[in-house]
Amino acid sequence: MNTTPNTSAQNTSSAPKPTAPKQRLTSDAMSASLAREGQRTTAAPLGHALVELAERDERVVGLSADLAKYTDLHILRDAMPDRFYQVGMAEQALLGAAAGLAMEGFVPFASTYSVFATRRAYDFLCLDIAEANLNVNMVCALPGLTTGYGPSHQATEDVAILRGMPNLTIVDPCDAVDIEQAVAQLAAHDGPTYMRILRGKVPRVLDEYDYTFELGKAKLIRDGAEVLLISTGLMTERALEAAKALEADKVDVAVLHVPTLKPLDEATVLAELAKDRLVLTCENHTVIGGLFDAVAHTAVRDGVLRQITPIGLPDEFLDAGALPTLNDRYGVSTAKIAEKVKTLLHPRHTERVD
């Protein structure tokens, strides 16, 4: 595109001033990694965990719908090509093939993007896999707002789509630690699973805490007397960062990590809700049909009548753009979490001063 200014109407008696070249805007819209510079990370934790598991269990196989490189399954493909199946750009065929392998006694891990697995192949997952309660593990990238490519790639409603499906277990890991520890447990689980994965250089967060992933269990990562953040997925890292930032304002914040969204660990959630604290949920998903709805449903059904404030993506199609900008715009960045907590706490603090 020619960016040279039109000078036809200018006075040509003097030489035009040189024009600096227009700077090309850049964006990390499709970045393979969400890690910050200098942050501790593990490269392709899903792929490496699958290789380790496959070395111990000859039933484990991998399948991809032409996205192995972009879901970290290329690690298994390159290490064990005879245990990997490339089905092409056909998610329905991907899940159908995975169902067939499971029926023959294999333990398939099928990878694609979350939007493609949930929107394009729902019926195959439901009737071929879930109804038969087959051990098929879907490991899907780009959950929620982890790409700036807009609604065609942003799986902002995948959990809402899948939570109503019988027999299906749904996992939303925080970091590389969660992913590494979840893989073997998903394989051993009796029935289908869906895990929202992080790819590329994945941050390591939870190994700084006394934490071990247990399928179906929520874990209190940090205790606090004034605020409870119930979080899942990558939002647990941001919740922990927000809790640390709020210490400067003398705000004591607890963080309950919920890596398994279905079945929800209702006993642990209810035990934490029973304490007198401000409660917010934090999720990388629309506030409709995900963690907030699961927690609120559990609370109301058990007779816990209290305000629970959701922090999550809005009920709308999101913009395309750079992820840091979008995270702030939609209120799911670390700074926005801390800001929301302080806004909700302000009336309480005012009462204490008076």
Protein backbone atom coordinates (compact mmCIF):
# COMPACT_ATOMS: atom_id res chain seq x y z
CA MET A 1 0.00 0.00 0.00
CA ASN A 2 1.44 3.39 -1.02
CA THR A 3 1.76 5.57 2.09
CA THR A 4 3.39 8.57 0.33
CA PRO A 5 1.35 11.75 0.92
CA ASN A 6 -0.42 13.31 -2.06
CA THR A 7 1.50 16.55 -2.75
CA SER A 8 -0.23 17.55 -6.00
CA ALA A 9 -1.93 20.53 -4.32
CA GLN A 10 1.16 21.68 -2.45
CA ASN A 11 3.52 24.49 -3.51
CA THR A 12 6.20 22.74 -5.56
CA SER A 13 8.57 25.70 -5.46
CA SER A 14 10.28 24.24 -2.42
CA ALA A 15 11.31 20.67 -1.85
CA PRO A 16 8.84 18.68 0.29
CA LYS A 17 9.93 17.73 3.76
CA PRO A 18 10.95 14.09 4.05
CA THR A 19 8.18 11.89 5.44
CA ALA A 20 9.08 9.27 8.02
CA PRO A 21 7.92 5.80 7.00
CA LYS A 22 4.63 4.81 8.61
CA GLN A 23 5.24 2.44 11.49
CA ARG A 24 3.51 -0.90 11.06
CA LEU A 25 1.36 -1.81 14.04
CA THR A 26 2.02 -5.22 15.52
CA SER A 27 -0.16 -7.46 17.63
CA ASP A 28 0.25 -10.67 19.62
CA ALA A 29 -3.24 -11.70 18.55
CA MET A 30 -2.25 -15.30 17.73
CA SER A 31 0.66 -15.64 20.13
CA ALA A 32 1.43 -19.26 21.01
CA SER A 33 2.38 -18.29 24.54
CA LEU A 34 0.78 -16.18 27.26
CA ALA A 35 3.91 -16.04 29.40
CA ARG A 36 5.46 -12.73 30.32
CA GLU A 37 9.09 -12.00 29.60
CA GLY A 38 11.28 -13.53 32.30
CA GLN A 39 8.50 -15.71 33.71
CA ARG A 40 9.25 -19.35 34.55
CA THR A 41 7.74 -21.57 31.87
CA THR A 42 7.68 -25.09 30.47
CA ALA A 43 7.57 -25.60 26.71
CA ALA A 44 4.69 -27.74 25.41
CA PRO A 45 3.80 -29.40 28.74
CA LEU A 46 0.91 -31.32 27.18
CA GLY A 47 3.06 -32.89 24.48
CA HIS A 48 5.84 -33.91 26.84
CA ALA A 49 3.41 -35.31 29.41
CA LEU A 50 1.75 -37.38 26.68
CA VAL A 51 5.10 -38.82 25.57
CA GLU A 52 5.94 -39.80 29.15
CA LEU A 53 2.52 -41.40 29.55
CA ALA A 54 2.71 -43.20 26.21
CA GLU A 55 6.08 -44.68 27.16
CA ARG A 56 4.39 -46.30 30.16
CA ASP A 57 1.06 -47.16 28.56
CA GLU A 58 1.00 -48.60 25.04
CA ARG A 59 -2.73 -47.84 24.74
CA VAL A 60 -2.16 -44.07 24.59
CA VAL A 61 -2.44 -42.53 21.11
CA GLY A 62 -2.75 -39.00 19.77
CA LEU A 63 -4.93 -37.55 17.04
CA SER A 64 -5.04 -34.09 15.48
CA ALA A 65 -7.21 -32.22 12.99
CA ASP A 66 -4.26 -30.63 11.18
CA LEU A 67 -3.27 -28.63 14.28
CA ALA A 68 -0.64 -30.76 16.01
CA LYS A 69 1.96 -27.98 15.82
CA TYR A 70 -0.47 -25.49 17.34
CA THR A 71 -1.76 -27.71 20.16
CA ASP A 72 1.68 -29.09 21.18
CA LEU A 73 0.80 -32.60 20.02
CA HIS A 74 3.69 -32.44 17.57
CA ILE A 75 5.89 -33.54 20.48
CA LEU A 76 4.12 -36.92 20.55
CA ARG A 77 3.94 -37.04 16.75
CA ASP A 78 7.69 -36.60 16.37
CA ALA A 79 8.65 -38.91 19.24
CA MET A 80 6.21 -41.72 18.40
CA PRO A 81 4.92 -41.35 14.83
CA ASP A 82 3.31 -44.80 14.93
CA ARG A 83 1.13 -43.65 17.85
CA PHE A 84 -0.14 -40.50 16.12
CA TYR A 85 -2.97 -40.02 13.62
CA GLN A 86 -3.46 -36.96 11.42
CA VAL A 87 -7.07 -36.82 10.21
CA GLY A 88 -6.90 -33.45 8.45
CA MET A 89 -9.19 -30.45 8.82
CA ALA A 90 -12.19 -32.52 9.87
CA GLU A 91 -13.18 -32.32 13.55
CA GLN A 92 -16.15 -34.65 13.12
CA ALA A 93 -13.84 -37.28 11.65
CA LEU A 94 -11.37 -36.58 14.48
CA LEU A 95 -13.90 -37.44 17.18
CA GLY A 96 -15.34 -40.34 15.21
CA ALA A 97 -11.89 -41.86 14.82
CA ALA A 98 -11.13 -41.28 18.50
CA ALA A 99 -14.36 -43.05 19.42
CA GLY A 100 -13.42 -46.02 17.27
CA LEU A 101 -9.97 -46.25 18.83
CA ALA A 102 -11.45 -46.09 22.32
CA MET A 103 -13.87 -48.89 21.46
CA GLU A 104 -10.86 -51.01 20.49
CA GLY A 105 -9.19 -50.46 23.86
CA PHE A 106 -6.93 -47.50 23.06
CA VAL A 107 -6.77 -44.29 25.14
CA PRO A 108 -6.96 -41.47 22.58
CA PHE A 109 -6.03 -37.83 23.14
CA ALA A 110 -7.64 -35.76 20.37
CA SER A 111 -6.42 -32.21 19.81
CA THR A 112 -7.80 -29.22 17.94
CA TYR A 113 -8.95 -25.71 18.80
CA SER A 114 -11.73 -25.42 21.38
CA VAL A 115 -14.07 -23.62 18.98
CA PHE A 116 -13.81 -26.41 16.42
CA ALA A 117 -14.33 -29.26 18.88
CA THR A 118 -17.39 -27.69 20.49
CA ARG A 119 -19.13 -25.84 17.66
CA ARG A 120 -18.42 -28.10 14.69
CA ALA A 121 -18.38 -31.58 16.22
CA TYR A 122 -20.81 -31.40 19.14
CA ASP A 123 -23.09 -34.20 17.96
CA PHE A 124 -20.16 -36.57 17.41
CA LEU A 125 -18.89 -35.88 20.91
CA CYS A 126 -22.35 -36.31 22.38
CA LEU A 127 -23.58 -39.45 20.61
CA ASP A 128 -20.37 -41.24 19.57
CA ILE A 129 -18.37 -40.60 22.74
CA ALA A 130 -20.35 -39.31 25.73
CA GLU A 131 -23.41 -41.52 25.36
CA ALA A 132 -21.15 -44.59 25.15
CA ASN A 133 -19.02 -43.19 28.02
CA LEU A 134 -15.82 -43.86 26.08
CA ASN A 135 -12.36 -42.94 27.35
CA VAL A 136 -11.70 -40.20 24.81
CA ASN A 137 -9.75 -37.15 25.99
CA MET A 138 -10.17 -33.92 24.06
CA VAL A 139 -7.27 -31.52 24.64
CA CYS A 140 -8.19 -28.23 23.02
CA ALA A 141 -6.28 -24.97 22.58
CA LEU A 142 -7.32 -21.31 22.46
CA PRO A 143 -9.91 -21.38 25.24
CA GLY A 144 -11.68 -18.13 26.05
CA LEU A 145 -9.64 -15.01 25.42
CA THR A 146 -6.27 -16.54 24.57
CA THR A 147 -6.20 -15.33 20.99
CA GLY A 148 -6.97 -11.94 19.51
CA TYR A 149 -8.31 -13.36 16.25
CA GLY A 150 -11.92 -12.66 17.14
CA PRO A 151 -15.03 -14.83 17.48
CA SER A 152 -13.97 -17.39 14.86
CA HIS A 153 -11.17 -18.55 17.17
CA GLN A 154 -12.17 -17.33 20.66
CA ALA A 155 -13.90 -20.18 22.53
CA THR A 156 -15.64 -17.92 25.01
CA GLU A 157 -18.67 -20.22 25.44
CA ASP A 158 -17.18 -23.74 25.16
CA VAL A 159 -17.79 -24.67 28.80
CA ALA A 160 -21.39 -23.45 28.57
CA ILE A 161 -21.88 -25.63 25.49
CA LEU A 162 -20.49 -28.73 27.18
CA ARG A 163 -21.56 -28.52 30.85
CA GLY A 164 -24.98 -30.01 30.09
CA MET A 165 -23.54 -33.11 28.41
CA PRO A 166 -23.87 -36.26 30.56
CA ASN A 167 -20.73 -38.28 31.41
CA LEU A 168 -18.33 -35.50 30.34
CA THR A 169 -15.62 -34.24 32.71
CA ILE A 170 -14.37 -30.67 32.05
CA VAL A 171 -10.92 -29.44 33.16
CA ASP A 172 -9.52 -25.90 32.94
CA PRO A 173 -5.84 -25.95 34.05
CA CYS A 174 -4.06 -22.92 35.44
CA ASP A 175 -0.55 -23.62 34.21
CA ALA A 176 2.06 -26.18 33.14
CA VAL A 177 1.91 -27.87 36.55
CA ASP A 178 -1.81 -28.54 36.20
CA ILE A 179 -1.41 -29.82 32.64
CA GLU A 180 1.50 -32.13 33.44
CA GLN A 181 -0.27 -33.69 36.39
CA ALA A 182 -3.70 -33.87 34.72
CA VAL A 183 -2.73 -35.92 31.67
CA ALA A 184 -2.25 -39.27 33.42
CA GLN A 185 -5.36 -38.74 35.54
CA LEU A 186 -7.46 -38.01 32.46
CA ALA A 187 -6.21 -41.19 30.83
CA ALA A 188 -7.08 -43.23 33.92
CA HIS A 189 -10.52 -41.66 34.23
CA ASP A 190 -13.46 -43.85 33.19
CA GLY A 191 -15.25 -41.72 30.61
CA PRO A 192 -14.72 -38.78 28.24
CA THR A 193 -12.88 -35.61 29.21
CA TYR A 194 -12.44 -32.13 27.78
CA MET A 195 -9.40 -30.08 28.82
CA ARG A 196 -8.83 -26.44 27.82
CA ILE A 197 -5.07 -26.35 27.27
CA LEU A 198 -2.48 -23.60 27.24
CA ARG A 199 0.19 -24.05 24.59
CA GLY A 200 3.73 -23.06 23.73
CA LYS A 201 5.74 -21.72 26.66
CA VAL A 202 3.26 -22.21 29.49
CA PRO A 203 3.83 -20.41 32.82
CA ARG A 204 4.68 -22.39 35.96
CA VAL A 205 2.72 -20.92 38.86
CA LEU A 206 1.34 -23.55 41.21
CA ASP A 207 4.63 -25.26 42.06
CA GLU A 208 5.34 -22.25 44.30
CA TYR A 209 2.45 -23.41 46.48
CA ASP A 210 1.66 -26.64 48.29
CA TYR A 211 -0.42 -27.87 45.37
CA THR A 212 -1.12 -31.13 43.58
CA PHE A 213 -3.71 -31.54 40.85
CA GLU A 214 -6.50 -33.96 41.70
CA LEU A 215 -9.20 -34.59 39.15
CA GLY A 216 -12.54 -33.40 40.54
CA LYS A 217 -11.01 -31.44 43.43
CA ALA A 218 -10.78 -27.71 44.14
CA LYS A 219 -7.81 -26.47 46.17
CA LEU A 220 -7.41 -23.45 48.43
CA ILE A 221 -4.15 -22.01 47.11
CA ARG A 222 -4.09 -18.98 49.40
CA ASP A 223 -6.17 -18.21 52.49
CA GLY A 224 -7.54 -14.81 53.42
CA ALA A 225 -10.11 -13.39 55.81
CA GLU A 226 -11.74 -10.60 53.79
CA VAL A 227 -12.15 -11.65 50.15
CA LEU A 228 -12.55 -15.01 48.38
CA LEU A 229 -11.64 -15.31 44.70
CA ILE A 230 -12.94 -18.58 43.23
CA SER A 231 -11.00 -19.01 40.01
CA THR A 232 -10.34 -21.50 37.25
CA GLY A 233 -7.92 -21.85 34.37
CA LEU A 234 -5.39 -19.12 33.66
CA MET A 235 -7.47 -16.75 35.80
CA THR A 236 -6.07 -18.44 38.91
CA GLU A 237 -2.66 -16.97 38.11
CA ARG A 238 -4.21 -13.52 37.76
CA ALA A 239 -6.25 -14.00 40.94
CA LEU A 240 -3.06 -14.83 42.85
CA GLU A 241 -1.31 -11.79 41.39
CA ALA A 242 -4.27 -9.58 42.28
CA ALA A 243 -4.27 -10.97 45.82
CA LYS A 244 -0.61 -10.01 46.22
CA ALA A 245 -1.24 -6.54 44.81
CA LEU A 246 -4.15 -6.00 47.22
CA GLU A 247 -1.87 -6.70 50.19
CA ALA A 248 -0.55 -3.14 49.74
CA ASP A 249 -4.05 -1.90 50.56
CA LYS A 250 -4.28 -4.20 53.60
CA VAL A 251 -6.85 -6.40 51.85
CA ASP A 252 -6.62 -10.08 52.84
CA VAL A 253 -7.57 -12.25 49.85
CA ALA A 254 -8.09 -16.02 49.58
CA VAL A 255 -7.85 -17.85 46.25
CA LEU A 256 -9.71 -21.10 45.62
CA HIS A 257 -8.53 -22.82 42.43
CA VAL A 258 -11.17 -24.92 40.64
CA PRO A 259 -9.39 -26.84 37.85
CA THR A 260 -12.27 -29.30 37.39
CA LEU A 261 -15.40 -27.44 36.31
CA LYS A 262 -17.51 -30.55 35.94
CA PRO A 263 -18.07 -32.29 38.24
CA LEU A 264 -17.69 -29.28 40.55
CA ASP A 265 -16.14 -29.94 43.95
CA GLU A 266 -19.26 -28.70 45.72
CA ALA A 267 -18.14 -29.68 49.23
CA THR A 268 -15.01 -27.52 49.06
CA VAL A 269 -16.80 -24.63 47.39
CA LEU A 270 -19.59 -24.63 49.99
CA ALA A 271 -17.08 -24.83 52.86
CA GLU A 272 -15.36 -21.68 51.59
CA LEU A 273 -18.65 -19.89 50.89
CA ALA A 274 -19.70 -20.48 54.48
CA LYS A 275 -17.09 -17.98 55.69
CA ASP A 276 -18.04 -14.30 55.93
CA ARG A 277 -16.12 -12.80 53.00
CA LEU A 278 -16.70 -10.87 49.80
CA VAL A 279 -16.94 -13.53 47.05
CA LEU A 280 -16.04 -13.21 43.37
CA THR A 281 -15.58 -15.83 40.64
CA CYS A 282 -12.86 -15.41 38.01
CA GLU A 283 -12.99 -17.24 34.69
CA ASN A 284 -11.62 -16.99 31.16
CA HIS A 285 -15.10 -17.63 29.75
CA THR A 286 -18.38 -15.84 29.35
CA VAL A 287 -20.10 -15.20 32.66
CA ILE A 288 -23.00 -17.27 31.31
CA GLY A 289 -22.83 -21.04 31.74
CA GLY A 290 -19.38 -21.41 33.26
CA LEU A 291 -17.78 -21.22 36.71
CA PHE A 292 -20.00 -18.41 37.99
CA ASP A 293 -23.18 -20.25 37.10
CA ALA A 294 -21.86 -23.49 38.61
CA VAL A 295 -20.89 -21.81 41.89
CA ALA A 296 -24.07 -19.74 42.14
CA HIS A 297 -26.23 -22.77 41.37
CA THR A 298 -24.47 -24.78 44.07
CA ALA A 299 -24.85 -21.99 46.62
CA VAL A 300 -28.57 -21.42 45.98
CA ARG A 301 -29.37 -25.13 45.95
CA ASP A 302 -27.64 -25.52 49.32
CA GLY A 303 -29.42 -22.49 50.78
CA VAL A 304 -26.38 -20.20 50.85
CA LEU A 305 -27.92 -16.80 50.16
CA ARG A 306 -25.16 -14.28 49.51
CA GLN A 307 -23.88 -12.08 46.74
CA ILE A 308 -21.40 -13.72 44.35
CA THR A 309 -19.88 -11.33 41.81
CA PRO A 310 -18.64 -12.71 38.48
CA ILE A 311 -15.44 -11.61 36.80
CA GLY A 312 -15.38 -13.03 33.30
CA LEU A 313 -15.96 -12.28 29.66
CA PRO A 314 -19.15 -10.44 28.65
CA ASP A 315 -22.09 -12.01 26.87
CA GLU A 316 -21.04 -10.72 23.47
CA PHE A 317 -18.76 -11.49 20.55
CA LEU A 318 -15.34 -10.10 21.43
CA ASP A 319 -13.17 -7.80 19.39
CA ALA A 320 -10.01 -8.81 17.57
CA GLY A 321 -6.76 -7.26 18.73
CA ALA A 322 -3.78 -7.55 21.01
CA LEU A 323 -4.41 -9.66 24.11
CA PRO A 324 -3.20 -7.16 26.76
CA THR A 325 -5.59 -4.54 25.37
CA LEU A 326 -8.49 -7.00 25.21
CA ASN A 327 -7.86 -8.34 28.73
CA ASP A 328 -8.16 -4.82 30.11
CA ARG A 329 -11.10 -3.94 27.90
CA TYR A 330 -13.12 -6.93 29.10
CA GLY A 331 -12.08 -6.72 32.74
CA VAL A 332 -10.11 -9.97 33.09
CA SER A 333 -6.58 -8.63 33.58
CA THR A 334 -4.83 -8.75 36.95
CA ALA A 335 -5.24 -4.99 37.37
CA LYS A 336 -8.95 -5.15 36.59
CA ILE A 337 -9.50 -7.94 39.13
CA ALA A 338 -7.83 -5.90 41.86
CA GLU A 339 -9.77 -2.80 40.81
CA LYS A 340 -13.08 -4.68 40.98
CA VAL A 341 -12.31 -5.99 44.46
CA LYS A 342 -11.46 -2.52 45.74
CA THR A 343 -14.63 -1.09 44.19
CA LEU A 344 -16.79 -3.67 45.93
CA LEU A 345 -14.96 -3.27 49.23
CA HIS A 346 -15.11 0.52 49.33
CA PRO A 347 -18.48 0.80 51.11
CA ARG A 348 -17.29 -1.64 53.79
CA HIS A 349 -14.08 0.29 54.33
CA THR A 350 -16.03 3.55 54.54
CA GLU A 351 -18.23 2.11 57.27
CA ARG A 352 -15.17 1.05 59.26
CA VAL A 353 -13.63 4.54 59.06
CA ASP A 354 -16.86 6.15 60.23
